N, C-alpha and C. Protein backbone atom coordinates (compact mmCIF):
# COMPACT_ATOMS: atom_id res chain seq x y z
N MET A 1 4.35 -53.61 13.84
CA MET A 1 5.44 -52.90 14.46
C MET A 1 6.43 -52.42 13.41
N ASN A 2 6.76 -53.29 12.48
CA ASN A 2 7.68 -52.91 11.41
C ASN A 2 7.06 -51.85 10.51
N LEU A 3 5.77 -51.91 10.33
CA LEU A 3 5.07 -50.94 9.50
C LEU A 3 5.13 -49.54 10.10
N VAL A 4 5.01 -49.41 11.41
CA VAL A 4 5.11 -48.11 12.11
C VAL A 4 6.52 -47.56 11.96
N PHE A 5 7.52 -48.44 12.11
CA PHE A 5 8.92 -48.02 11.98
C PHE A 5 9.19 -47.52 10.56
N ILE A 6 8.66 -48.21 9.57
CA ILE A 6 8.86 -47.82 8.17
C ILE A 6 8.20 -46.47 7.91
N LYS A 7 6.99 -46.24 8.46
CA LYS A 7 6.29 -44.97 8.27
C LYS A 7 7.08 -43.83 8.92
N LYS A 8 7.61 -44.05 10.13
CA LYS A 8 8.37 -43.01 10.82
C LYS A 8 9.66 -42.69 10.08
N SER A 9 10.37 -43.72 9.63
CA SER A 9 11.63 -43.48 8.93
C SER A 9 11.38 -42.81 7.58
N SER A 10 10.29 -43.15 6.92
CA SER A 10 9.95 -42.51 5.65
C SER A 10 9.63 -41.04 5.86
N LEU A 11 8.92 -40.74 6.92
CA LEU A 11 8.56 -39.36 7.25
C LEU A 11 9.81 -38.55 7.57
N ILE A 12 10.73 -39.12 8.33
CA ILE A 12 11.97 -38.43 8.67
C ILE A 12 12.80 -38.20 7.40
N GLY A 13 12.90 -39.20 6.56
CA GLY A 13 13.63 -39.05 5.30
C GLY A 13 13.02 -37.97 4.41
N LEU A 14 11.70 -37.93 4.36
CA LEU A 14 11.00 -36.92 3.57
C LEU A 14 11.27 -35.52 4.11
N LEU A 15 11.25 -35.34 5.43
CA LEU A 15 11.53 -34.05 6.05
C LEU A 15 12.96 -33.59 5.78
N ILE A 16 13.91 -34.52 5.83
CA ILE A 16 15.31 -34.18 5.56
C ILE A 16 15.47 -33.76 4.10
N ALA A 17 14.86 -34.49 3.20
CA ALA A 17 14.95 -34.15 1.78
C ALA A 17 14.29 -32.80 1.50
N LEU A 18 13.16 -32.54 2.15
CA LEU A 18 12.45 -31.27 1.98
C LEU A 18 13.28 -30.11 2.51
N SER A 19 13.96 -30.29 3.65
CA SER A 19 14.79 -29.21 4.22
C SER A 19 15.97 -28.89 3.30
N PHE A 20 16.57 -29.92 2.69
CA PHE A 20 17.65 -29.66 1.72
C PHE A 20 17.13 -28.90 0.51
N PHE A 21 15.95 -29.29 0.05
CA PHE A 21 15.37 -28.64 -1.12
C PHE A 21 15.08 -27.16 -0.84
N ILE A 22 14.51 -26.88 0.31
CA ILE A 22 14.18 -25.50 0.68
C ILE A 22 15.45 -24.66 0.87
N SER A 23 16.44 -25.19 1.55
CA SER A 23 17.67 -24.42 1.80
C SER A 23 18.47 -24.18 0.53
N ALA A 24 18.35 -25.04 -0.45
CA ALA A 24 19.13 -24.90 -1.68
C ALA A 24 18.63 -23.74 -2.53
N CYS A 25 17.35 -23.45 -2.52
CA CYS A 25 16.84 -22.39 -3.39
C CYS A 25 16.53 -21.11 -2.62
N GLY A 26 16.79 -21.06 -1.34
CA GLY A 26 16.46 -19.89 -0.54
C GLY A 26 17.31 -18.67 -0.82
N ALA A 27 18.55 -18.84 -1.26
CA ALA A 27 19.46 -17.71 -1.46
C ALA A 27 19.28 -17.04 -2.81
N ASN A 28 18.55 -17.66 -3.72
CA ASN A 28 18.41 -17.09 -5.06
C ASN A 28 17.79 -15.71 -5.05
N MET A 29 16.83 -15.46 -4.21
CA MET A 29 16.20 -14.13 -4.15
C MET A 29 17.18 -13.10 -3.64
N PHE A 30 18.04 -13.48 -2.73
CA PHE A 30 19.02 -12.54 -2.18
C PHE A 30 20.14 -12.27 -3.18
N ASP A 31 20.57 -13.28 -3.88
CA ASP A 31 21.72 -13.17 -4.78
C ASP A 31 21.37 -12.79 -6.21
N GLN A 32 20.12 -12.50 -6.49
CA GLN A 32 19.74 -12.22 -7.86
C GLN A 32 20.35 -10.90 -8.35
N PRO A 33 20.58 -10.80 -9.65
CA PRO A 33 21.13 -9.54 -10.18
C PRO A 33 20.12 -8.42 -10.04
N LYS A 34 20.61 -7.24 -9.66
CA LYS A 34 19.73 -6.08 -9.52
C LYS A 34 20.53 -4.82 -9.75
N PHE A 35 19.86 -3.75 -10.16
CA PHE A 35 20.52 -2.48 -10.41
C PHE A 35 20.72 -1.74 -9.10
N GLN A 36 21.86 -1.08 -8.98
CA GLN A 36 22.13 -0.21 -7.84
C GLN A 36 21.58 1.18 -8.16
N VAL A 37 21.44 2.01 -7.16
CA VAL A 37 20.94 3.37 -7.35
C VAL A 37 21.88 4.10 -8.31
N ASN A 38 21.29 4.80 -9.28
CA ASN A 38 22.00 5.60 -10.29
C ASN A 38 22.88 4.79 -11.23
N GLU A 39 22.72 3.48 -11.26
CA GLU A 39 23.48 2.64 -12.18
C GLU A 39 22.83 2.70 -13.57
N ALA A 40 23.64 2.67 -14.61
CA ALA A 40 23.13 2.70 -15.98
C ALA A 40 22.34 1.43 -16.27
N SER A 41 21.27 1.59 -17.04
CA SER A 41 20.42 0.46 -17.39
C SER A 41 20.24 0.41 -18.90
N PRO A 42 20.42 -0.76 -19.51
CA PRO A 42 20.22 -0.87 -20.96
C PRO A 42 18.75 -0.99 -21.35
N TYR A 43 17.84 -1.04 -20.38
CA TYR A 43 16.44 -1.30 -20.66
C TYR A 43 15.61 -0.05 -20.97
N PHE A 44 16.16 1.15 -20.69
CA PHE A 44 15.40 2.37 -20.90
C PHE A 44 16.18 3.33 -21.79
N ALA A 45 15.47 4.17 -22.51
CA ALA A 45 16.09 5.06 -23.49
C ALA A 45 17.08 6.03 -22.84
N ASN A 46 16.79 6.50 -21.64
CA ASN A 46 17.70 7.45 -20.99
C ASN A 46 18.82 6.75 -20.21
N GLN A 47 18.90 5.43 -20.29
CA GLN A 47 19.95 4.62 -19.66
C GLN A 47 19.93 4.70 -18.13
N SER A 48 18.88 5.19 -17.54
CA SER A 48 18.82 5.33 -16.08
C SER A 48 18.01 4.19 -15.48
N SER A 49 18.52 3.63 -14.39
CA SER A 49 17.75 2.59 -13.69
C SER A 49 16.71 3.22 -12.77
N ASN A 50 16.87 4.52 -12.48
CA ASN A 50 15.88 5.24 -11.67
C ASN A 50 14.77 5.75 -12.57
N ARG A 51 13.55 5.49 -12.22
CA ARG A 51 12.44 5.95 -13.04
C ARG A 51 12.01 7.33 -12.57
N GLU A 52 11.74 8.22 -13.51
CA GLU A 52 11.29 9.56 -13.17
C GLU A 52 9.83 9.49 -12.73
N LEU A 53 9.48 10.40 -11.82
CA LEU A 53 8.10 10.43 -11.34
C LEU A 53 7.17 10.90 -12.45
N ILE A 54 5.98 10.37 -12.46
CA ILE A 54 4.96 10.78 -13.41
C ILE A 54 4.55 12.20 -13.07
N ALA A 55 4.33 13.04 -14.06
CA ALA A 55 3.92 14.43 -13.83
C ALA A 55 2.67 14.46 -12.95
N GLY A 56 2.69 15.33 -11.95
CA GLY A 56 1.56 15.47 -11.04
C GLY A 56 1.61 14.52 -9.85
N THR A 57 2.68 13.74 -9.70
CA THR A 57 2.81 12.83 -8.57
C THR A 57 2.88 13.64 -7.27
N VAL A 58 2.14 13.22 -6.27
CA VAL A 58 2.10 13.92 -4.98
C VAL A 58 2.63 12.99 -3.91
N SER A 59 3.52 13.52 -3.07
CA SER A 59 4.10 12.74 -1.99
C SER A 59 3.04 12.33 -0.98
N ARG A 60 3.09 11.09 -0.52
CA ARG A 60 2.18 10.64 0.54
C ARG A 60 2.52 11.29 1.87
N GLU A 61 3.82 11.55 2.08
CA GLU A 61 4.26 12.10 3.35
C GLU A 61 4.00 13.59 3.46
N ARG A 62 4.22 14.34 2.38
CA ARG A 62 4.21 15.80 2.48
C ARG A 62 3.19 16.48 1.58
N GLY A 63 2.50 15.74 0.75
CA GLY A 63 1.54 16.37 -0.13
C GLY A 63 2.24 17.09 -1.27
N ALA A 64 1.54 17.99 -1.91
CA ALA A 64 2.09 18.74 -3.05
C ALA A 64 2.85 19.95 -2.52
N LEU A 65 4.16 19.84 -2.42
CA LEU A 65 4.99 20.93 -1.91
C LEU A 65 5.71 21.64 -3.04
N ASP A 66 5.91 22.91 -2.86
CA ASP A 66 6.75 23.67 -3.78
C ASP A 66 8.18 23.21 -3.55
N SER A 67 8.94 23.04 -4.61
CA SER A 67 10.31 22.54 -4.45
C SER A 67 11.18 23.48 -3.62
N SER A 68 10.83 24.77 -3.57
CA SER A 68 11.63 25.72 -2.79
C SER A 68 11.55 25.41 -1.29
N PHE A 69 10.47 24.77 -0.86
CA PHE A 69 10.36 24.38 0.54
C PHE A 69 11.43 23.35 0.91
N LEU A 70 11.76 22.49 -0.02
CA LEU A 70 12.74 21.43 0.23
C LEU A 70 14.17 21.82 -0.12
N THR A 71 14.34 22.87 -0.92
CA THR A 71 15.69 23.26 -1.34
C THR A 71 16.16 24.58 -0.75
N GLY A 72 15.23 25.46 -0.35
CA GLY A 72 15.61 26.78 0.15
C GLY A 72 15.89 27.76 -0.96
N GLN A 73 15.59 27.38 -2.22
CA GLN A 73 15.85 28.23 -3.37
C GLN A 73 14.65 28.23 -4.32
N ASP A 74 14.53 29.33 -5.05
CA ASP A 74 13.56 29.38 -6.14
C ASP A 74 14.28 29.86 -7.39
N ASP A 75 13.57 30.28 -8.40
CA ASP A 75 14.19 30.71 -9.66
C ASP A 75 15.08 31.94 -9.48
N ASN A 76 14.83 32.72 -8.42
CA ASN A 76 15.61 33.94 -8.18
C ASN A 76 16.79 33.72 -7.24
N GLY A 77 17.02 32.51 -6.79
CA GLY A 77 18.13 32.22 -5.87
C GLY A 77 17.61 31.79 -4.50
N MET A 78 18.40 32.05 -3.47
CA MET A 78 18.02 31.64 -2.11
C MET A 78 16.82 32.44 -1.62
N LEU A 79 15.93 31.75 -0.90
CA LEU A 79 14.73 32.41 -0.39
C LEU A 79 15.11 33.45 0.66
N SER A 80 14.50 34.62 0.53
CA SER A 80 14.74 35.67 1.53
C SER A 80 13.60 35.71 2.55
N GLU A 81 12.52 35.02 2.26
CA GLU A 81 11.37 34.94 3.16
C GLU A 81 11.11 33.48 3.52
N LEU A 82 10.62 33.27 4.72
CA LEU A 82 10.27 31.90 5.16
C LEU A 82 9.10 31.38 4.34
N PRO A 83 9.14 30.11 3.92
CA PRO A 83 7.99 29.53 3.23
C PRO A 83 6.95 28.98 4.21
N VAL A 84 7.14 29.24 5.48
CA VAL A 84 6.22 28.82 6.53
C VAL A 84 5.83 30.06 7.33
N THR A 85 4.75 29.97 8.08
CA THR A 85 4.29 31.10 8.88
C THR A 85 5.19 31.28 10.10
N LEU A 86 5.66 32.50 10.31
CA LEU A 86 6.51 32.81 11.45
C LEU A 86 5.63 32.99 12.68
N THR A 87 5.81 32.10 13.65
CA THR A 87 5.06 32.17 14.90
C THR A 87 6.02 32.01 16.07
N LYS A 88 5.52 32.29 17.25
CA LYS A 88 6.33 32.10 18.45
C LYS A 88 6.68 30.62 18.61
N GLU A 89 5.72 29.74 18.31
CA GLU A 89 5.96 28.30 18.41
C GLU A 89 7.06 27.85 17.46
N LEU A 90 7.08 28.43 16.26
CA LEU A 90 8.11 28.09 15.28
C LEU A 90 9.49 28.49 15.81
N LEU A 91 9.59 29.70 16.39
CA LEU A 91 10.87 30.15 16.93
C LEU A 91 11.31 29.31 18.13
N LEU A 92 10.36 28.93 18.99
CA LEU A 92 10.71 28.07 20.13
C LEU A 92 11.17 26.70 19.66
N ARG A 93 10.51 26.16 18.65
CA ARG A 93 10.95 24.88 18.07
C ARG A 93 12.34 25.04 17.45
N GLY A 94 12.55 26.15 16.75
CA GLY A 94 13.86 26.42 16.16
C GLY A 94 14.95 26.54 17.21
N GLN A 95 14.63 27.19 18.32
CA GLN A 95 15.61 27.32 19.40
C GLN A 95 15.95 25.96 19.98
N GLU A 96 14.93 25.14 20.21
CA GLU A 96 15.16 23.80 20.75
C GLU A 96 16.05 22.97 19.82
N ARG A 97 15.73 22.97 18.53
CA ARG A 97 16.51 22.20 17.55
C ARG A 97 17.92 22.79 17.37
N PHE A 98 18.04 24.12 17.39
CA PHE A 98 19.35 24.78 17.29
C PHE A 98 20.23 24.35 18.46
N ASN A 99 19.65 24.35 19.66
CA ASN A 99 20.42 23.98 20.85
C ASN A 99 20.89 22.52 20.79
N ILE A 100 20.12 21.68 20.15
CA ILE A 100 20.49 20.26 20.04
C ILE A 100 21.53 20.05 18.95
N TYR A 101 21.26 20.54 17.75
CA TYR A 101 22.09 20.21 16.59
C TYR A 101 23.20 21.22 16.28
N CYS A 102 22.98 22.49 16.59
CA CYS A 102 23.91 23.53 16.13
C CYS A 102 24.81 24.08 17.23
N ALA A 103 24.27 24.21 18.44
CA ALA A 103 25.02 24.85 19.52
C ALA A 103 26.32 24.13 19.88
N PRO A 104 26.44 22.82 19.74
CA PRO A 104 27.73 22.20 20.08
C PRO A 104 28.91 22.82 19.33
N CYS A 105 28.70 23.26 18.10
CA CYS A 105 29.77 23.93 17.35
C CYS A 105 29.60 25.45 17.35
N HIS A 106 28.37 25.91 17.11
CA HIS A 106 28.12 27.34 16.91
C HIS A 106 27.85 28.09 18.21
N ASN A 107 27.70 27.41 19.30
CA ASN A 107 27.39 27.97 20.62
C ASN A 107 25.93 28.45 20.65
N TYR A 108 25.42 28.66 21.84
CA TYR A 108 24.02 29.07 22.00
C TYR A 108 23.78 30.48 21.49
N THR A 109 24.84 31.28 21.39
CA THR A 109 24.71 32.66 20.92
C THR A 109 25.17 32.82 19.48
N ALA A 110 25.47 31.74 18.80
CA ALA A 110 25.87 31.72 17.38
C ALA A 110 27.21 32.39 17.12
N THR A 111 28.06 32.45 18.12
CA THR A 111 29.37 33.09 17.96
C THR A 111 30.42 32.14 17.40
N GLY A 112 30.10 30.86 17.30
CA GLY A 112 31.02 29.90 16.70
C GLY A 112 32.03 29.31 17.67
N ASP A 113 31.83 29.46 18.96
CA ASP A 113 32.78 28.91 19.93
C ASP A 113 32.09 27.95 20.89
N GLY A 114 31.41 26.96 20.33
CA GLY A 114 30.70 25.96 21.12
C GLY A 114 31.65 25.00 21.81
N ILE A 115 31.10 24.05 22.53
CA ILE A 115 31.88 23.12 23.35
C ILE A 115 32.81 22.27 22.49
N ILE A 116 32.38 21.91 21.29
CA ILE A 116 33.22 21.11 20.39
C ILE A 116 34.48 21.89 20.01
N VAL A 117 34.32 23.18 19.79
CA VAL A 117 35.45 24.04 19.44
C VAL A 117 36.40 24.14 20.64
N GLN A 118 35.82 24.24 21.83
CA GLN A 118 36.64 24.32 23.04
C GLN A 118 37.43 23.03 23.28
N LYS A 119 36.97 21.93 22.67
CA LYS A 119 37.67 20.64 22.79
C LYS A 119 38.68 20.41 21.67
N GLY A 120 38.85 21.41 20.77
CA GLY A 120 39.89 21.30 19.77
C GLY A 120 39.46 21.25 18.32
N MET A 121 38.16 21.19 18.05
CA MET A 121 37.71 21.18 16.65
C MET A 121 37.85 22.58 16.06
N PRO A 122 38.01 22.69 14.73
CA PRO A 122 38.12 24.01 14.10
C PRO A 122 36.86 24.84 14.35
N GLN A 123 37.05 26.14 14.52
CA GLN A 123 35.95 27.03 14.83
C GLN A 123 35.19 27.45 13.58
N PRO A 124 33.85 27.30 13.59
CA PRO A 124 33.07 27.80 12.46
C PRO A 124 32.95 29.33 12.54
N THR A 125 32.60 29.93 11.44
CA THR A 125 32.42 31.38 11.40
C THR A 125 31.23 31.77 12.26
N SER A 126 31.35 32.90 12.94
CA SER A 126 30.26 33.42 13.75
C SER A 126 29.11 33.84 12.86
N PHE A 127 27.89 33.50 13.25
CA PHE A 127 26.71 33.93 12.51
C PHE A 127 26.46 35.42 12.67
N LEU A 128 27.22 36.07 13.55
CA LEU A 128 27.04 37.50 13.80
C LEU A 128 27.92 38.36 12.89
N GLU A 129 28.72 37.75 12.04
CA GLU A 129 29.50 38.51 11.06
C GLU A 129 28.55 39.19 10.09
N PRO A 130 28.88 40.40 9.66
CA PRO A 130 27.97 41.16 8.78
C PRO A 130 27.53 40.40 7.52
N ARG A 131 28.43 39.67 6.89
CA ARG A 131 28.03 38.95 5.66
C ARG A 131 27.01 37.86 5.96
N LEU A 132 27.10 37.22 7.13
CA LEU A 132 26.12 36.19 7.48
C LEU A 132 24.83 36.79 8.03
N VAL A 133 24.92 37.95 8.66
CA VAL A 133 23.70 38.64 9.09
C VAL A 133 22.90 39.04 7.86
N ALA A 134 23.59 39.45 6.79
CA ALA A 134 22.92 39.86 5.55
C ALA A 134 22.45 38.67 4.71
N ALA A 135 22.91 37.47 5.02
CA ALA A 135 22.53 36.29 4.23
C ALA A 135 21.04 36.02 4.37
N PRO A 136 20.39 35.60 3.28
CA PRO A 136 18.96 35.29 3.36
C PRO A 136 18.70 34.02 4.16
N VAL A 137 17.48 33.87 4.59
CA VAL A 137 17.11 32.71 5.42
C VAL A 137 17.32 31.40 4.67
N GLY A 138 17.17 31.42 3.35
CA GLY A 138 17.40 30.22 2.55
C GLY A 138 18.84 29.75 2.58
N TYR A 139 19.77 30.65 2.86
CA TYR A 139 21.19 30.29 2.96
C TYR A 139 21.40 29.29 4.09
N TYR A 140 20.78 29.54 5.24
CA TYR A 140 20.95 28.66 6.40
C TYR A 140 20.26 27.33 6.17
N TYR A 141 19.08 27.38 5.55
CA TYR A 141 18.38 26.13 5.22
C TYR A 141 19.23 25.29 4.27
N GLY A 142 19.80 25.93 3.25
CA GLY A 142 20.64 25.23 2.28
C GLY A 142 21.88 24.64 2.91
N ALA A 143 22.50 25.38 3.84
CA ALA A 143 23.71 24.87 4.51
C ALA A 143 23.38 23.63 5.34
N MET A 144 22.24 23.64 6.02
CA MET A 144 21.85 22.46 6.80
C MET A 144 21.51 21.29 5.88
N THR A 145 20.88 21.57 4.76
CA THR A 145 20.45 20.53 3.84
C THR A 145 21.63 19.89 3.11
N ASN A 146 22.55 20.71 2.63
CA ASN A 146 23.64 20.23 1.79
C ASN A 146 24.97 20.10 2.50
N GLY A 147 25.09 20.63 3.70
CA GLY A 147 26.37 20.69 4.38
C GLY A 147 27.14 21.90 3.88
N PHE A 148 28.14 22.30 4.65
CA PHE A 148 28.94 23.47 4.26
C PHE A 148 30.30 23.36 4.93
N GLY A 149 31.35 23.45 4.15
CA GLY A 149 32.70 23.36 4.71
C GLY A 149 32.89 22.02 5.42
N ARG A 150 33.26 22.07 6.69
CA ARG A 150 33.46 20.84 7.48
C ARG A 150 32.15 20.24 7.98
N MET A 151 31.08 21.02 7.92
CA MET A 151 29.79 20.55 8.43
C MET A 151 29.14 19.63 7.40
N PHE A 152 28.78 18.44 7.82
CA PHE A 152 28.10 17.50 6.93
C PHE A 152 26.63 17.85 6.81
N SER A 153 25.96 17.25 5.87
CA SER A 153 24.54 17.49 5.65
C SER A 153 23.71 16.98 6.83
N TYR A 154 22.72 17.77 7.20
CA TYR A 154 21.77 17.36 8.23
C TYR A 154 20.42 16.97 7.64
N ALA A 155 20.35 16.82 6.32
CA ALA A 155 19.08 16.51 5.66
C ALA A 155 18.46 15.22 6.17
N SER A 156 19.27 14.23 6.52
CA SER A 156 18.73 12.96 7.00
C SER A 156 18.49 12.99 8.52
N ARG A 157 18.93 14.02 9.19
CA ARG A 157 18.82 14.09 10.64
C ARG A 157 17.76 15.08 11.11
N ILE A 158 17.53 16.13 10.31
CA ILE A 158 16.59 17.18 10.69
C ILE A 158 15.53 17.30 9.59
N GLN A 159 14.28 17.17 9.95
CA GLN A 159 13.18 17.28 9.00
C GLN A 159 13.15 18.68 8.38
N PRO A 160 12.64 18.83 7.15
CA PRO A 160 12.59 20.15 6.51
C PRO A 160 11.89 21.22 7.36
N GLU A 161 10.80 20.86 8.02
CA GLU A 161 10.08 21.83 8.84
C GLU A 161 10.98 22.35 9.96
N ASP A 162 11.76 21.46 10.56
CA ASP A 162 12.66 21.87 11.64
C ASP A 162 13.85 22.67 11.10
N ARG A 163 14.29 22.37 9.88
CA ARG A 163 15.38 23.18 9.28
C ARG A 163 14.91 24.61 9.06
N TRP A 164 13.64 24.78 8.66
CA TRP A 164 13.11 26.14 8.51
C TRP A 164 12.96 26.81 9.88
N ALA A 165 12.56 26.05 10.89
CA ALA A 165 12.44 26.61 12.23
C ALA A 165 13.81 27.07 12.74
N ILE A 166 14.84 26.27 12.52
CA ILE A 166 16.20 26.64 12.93
C ILE A 166 16.65 27.88 12.16
N SER A 167 16.39 27.93 10.88
CA SER A 167 16.78 29.08 10.06
C SER A 167 16.12 30.35 10.58
N ALA A 168 14.83 30.27 10.91
CA ALA A 168 14.12 31.43 11.46
C ALA A 168 14.73 31.83 12.80
N TYR A 169 15.06 30.85 13.62
CA TYR A 169 15.65 31.16 14.92
C TYR A 169 17.03 31.82 14.76
N ILE A 170 17.82 31.37 13.81
CA ILE A 170 19.14 31.98 13.57
C ILE A 170 18.97 33.45 13.21
N LYS A 171 18.00 33.76 12.33
CA LYS A 171 17.77 35.16 11.96
C LYS A 171 17.31 35.97 13.18
N ALA A 172 16.45 35.39 14.02
CA ALA A 172 16.01 36.08 15.24
C ALA A 172 17.18 36.27 16.21
N LEU A 173 18.03 35.25 16.32
CA LEU A 173 19.21 35.33 17.18
C LEU A 173 20.17 36.42 16.69
N GLN A 174 20.36 36.50 15.41
CA GLN A 174 21.21 37.56 14.85
C GLN A 174 20.63 38.94 15.17
N PHE A 175 19.33 39.08 15.00
CA PHE A 175 18.69 40.36 15.30
C PHE A 175 18.83 40.70 16.78
N SER A 176 18.64 39.71 17.64
CA SER A 176 18.70 39.98 19.09
C SER A 176 20.08 40.43 19.54
N GLN A 177 21.13 39.99 18.87
CA GLN A 177 22.49 40.33 19.27
C GLN A 177 22.88 41.75 18.86
N ARG A 178 22.11 42.37 18.00
CA ARG A 178 22.44 43.73 17.57
C ARG A 178 21.25 44.67 17.73
N ALA A 179 20.26 44.25 18.53
CA ALA A 179 19.06 45.07 18.73
C ALA A 179 19.33 46.22 19.70
N ASN A 180 18.60 47.30 19.51
CA ASN A 180 18.65 48.46 20.41
C ASN A 180 17.37 48.51 21.23
N LEU A 181 17.38 49.32 22.25
CA LEU A 181 16.19 49.48 23.09
C LEU A 181 15.02 49.99 22.27
N GLU A 182 15.30 50.79 21.26
CA GLU A 182 14.24 51.35 20.42
C GLU A 182 13.54 50.27 19.58
N ASP A 183 14.19 49.14 19.41
CA ASP A 183 13.59 48.06 18.64
C ASP A 183 12.50 47.32 19.43
N ILE A 184 12.47 47.55 20.74
CA ILE A 184 11.48 46.90 21.61
C ILE A 184 10.24 47.78 21.66
N PRO A 185 9.03 47.22 21.50
CA PRO A 185 7.82 48.03 21.62
C PRO A 185 7.76 48.75 22.96
N ALA A 186 7.25 49.97 22.96
CA ALA A 186 7.26 50.84 24.14
C ALA A 186 6.64 50.19 25.37
N GLU A 187 5.57 49.41 25.19
CA GLU A 187 4.89 48.82 26.35
C GLU A 187 5.73 47.74 27.05
N PHE A 188 6.77 47.24 26.37
CA PHE A 188 7.62 46.21 26.96
C PHE A 188 8.97 46.74 27.45
N ARG A 189 9.31 47.96 27.13
CA ARG A 189 10.62 48.50 27.49
C ARG A 189 10.86 48.56 28.99
N SER A 190 9.81 48.80 29.76
CA SER A 190 9.97 48.91 31.21
C SER A 190 10.37 47.59 31.86
N ASN A 191 10.23 46.48 31.14
CA ASN A 191 10.61 45.16 31.68
C ASN A 191 12.13 44.96 31.71
N PHE A 192 12.87 45.83 31.04
CA PHE A 192 14.33 45.66 30.96
C PHE A 192 15.03 46.55 31.96
N LYS A 193 16.02 45.97 32.65
CA LYS A 193 16.78 46.67 33.65
C LYS A 193 17.52 47.84 33.00
N GLY A 194 17.37 49.00 33.59
CA GLY A 194 18.06 50.19 33.12
C GLY A 194 17.35 50.88 31.96
N ALA A 195 16.18 50.39 31.58
CA ALA A 195 15.48 50.97 30.44
C ALA A 195 14.92 52.35 30.77
N SER A 196 14.54 52.57 32.00
CA SER A 196 13.93 53.85 32.37
C SER A 196 14.97 54.88 32.76
N GLU A 197 16.24 54.48 32.86
CA GLU A 197 17.29 55.42 33.28
C GLU A 197 17.70 56.34 32.16
C-alpha cells in the first residue's frame, strides 16, 4: 500500500517538475531577437535584412508577370493600353468591383458625388473632367494601387486583375457619358428611344 502511494506521489512530482521545465523555456522562441522588415542588418554587404530575389524567380501565385501588370507603368510612363484582354466579362467584373469599392465616393456615374460625399466627406474630382478623360488607363490602376489624395491604397483590398477591370470600366464609363448616337453601330441604334426620330 505504501509502495503504491510512493509511486503515485513520485509520478505527480515528476509531472509538476516537467510542467515547470516546459513553461520556463516556452517563451524563448517568441522573445528571440529578430530583424524587422526593412531594418538594417550587419550580416550582409548591402546592410539590408530583406534578401533580394534570385534572378529568374517566378511567383507561385501569379507566374512570370511583367512588372507593368503590377504597377500600371512601363519605361515610357503610365500604360495607355490594358495589359489584359478587353472582354465583356472584364467590363462586367469591373462594373461590379467599381460599384463596391469606388461608387460610395465617386458615385455610380463617376461624377464624384457618391453617398459618402452626401454624408459630409470631401468630394473627389469627377472622372468626367477633360483631364481625367484624357488620362491613360494606367493612371487609374496606379491611383488604386498607391492611393491618391485622401484615398488610401486599395492594393491589399483589390487584386491586380480586378484593378485592371475597374480601370477598363472607368474608361468605358467615361466614354458612355460623352457618346453620341453615331458612336453606336447602326444595327443597334433602333434599340434606343428617339433614335429613329
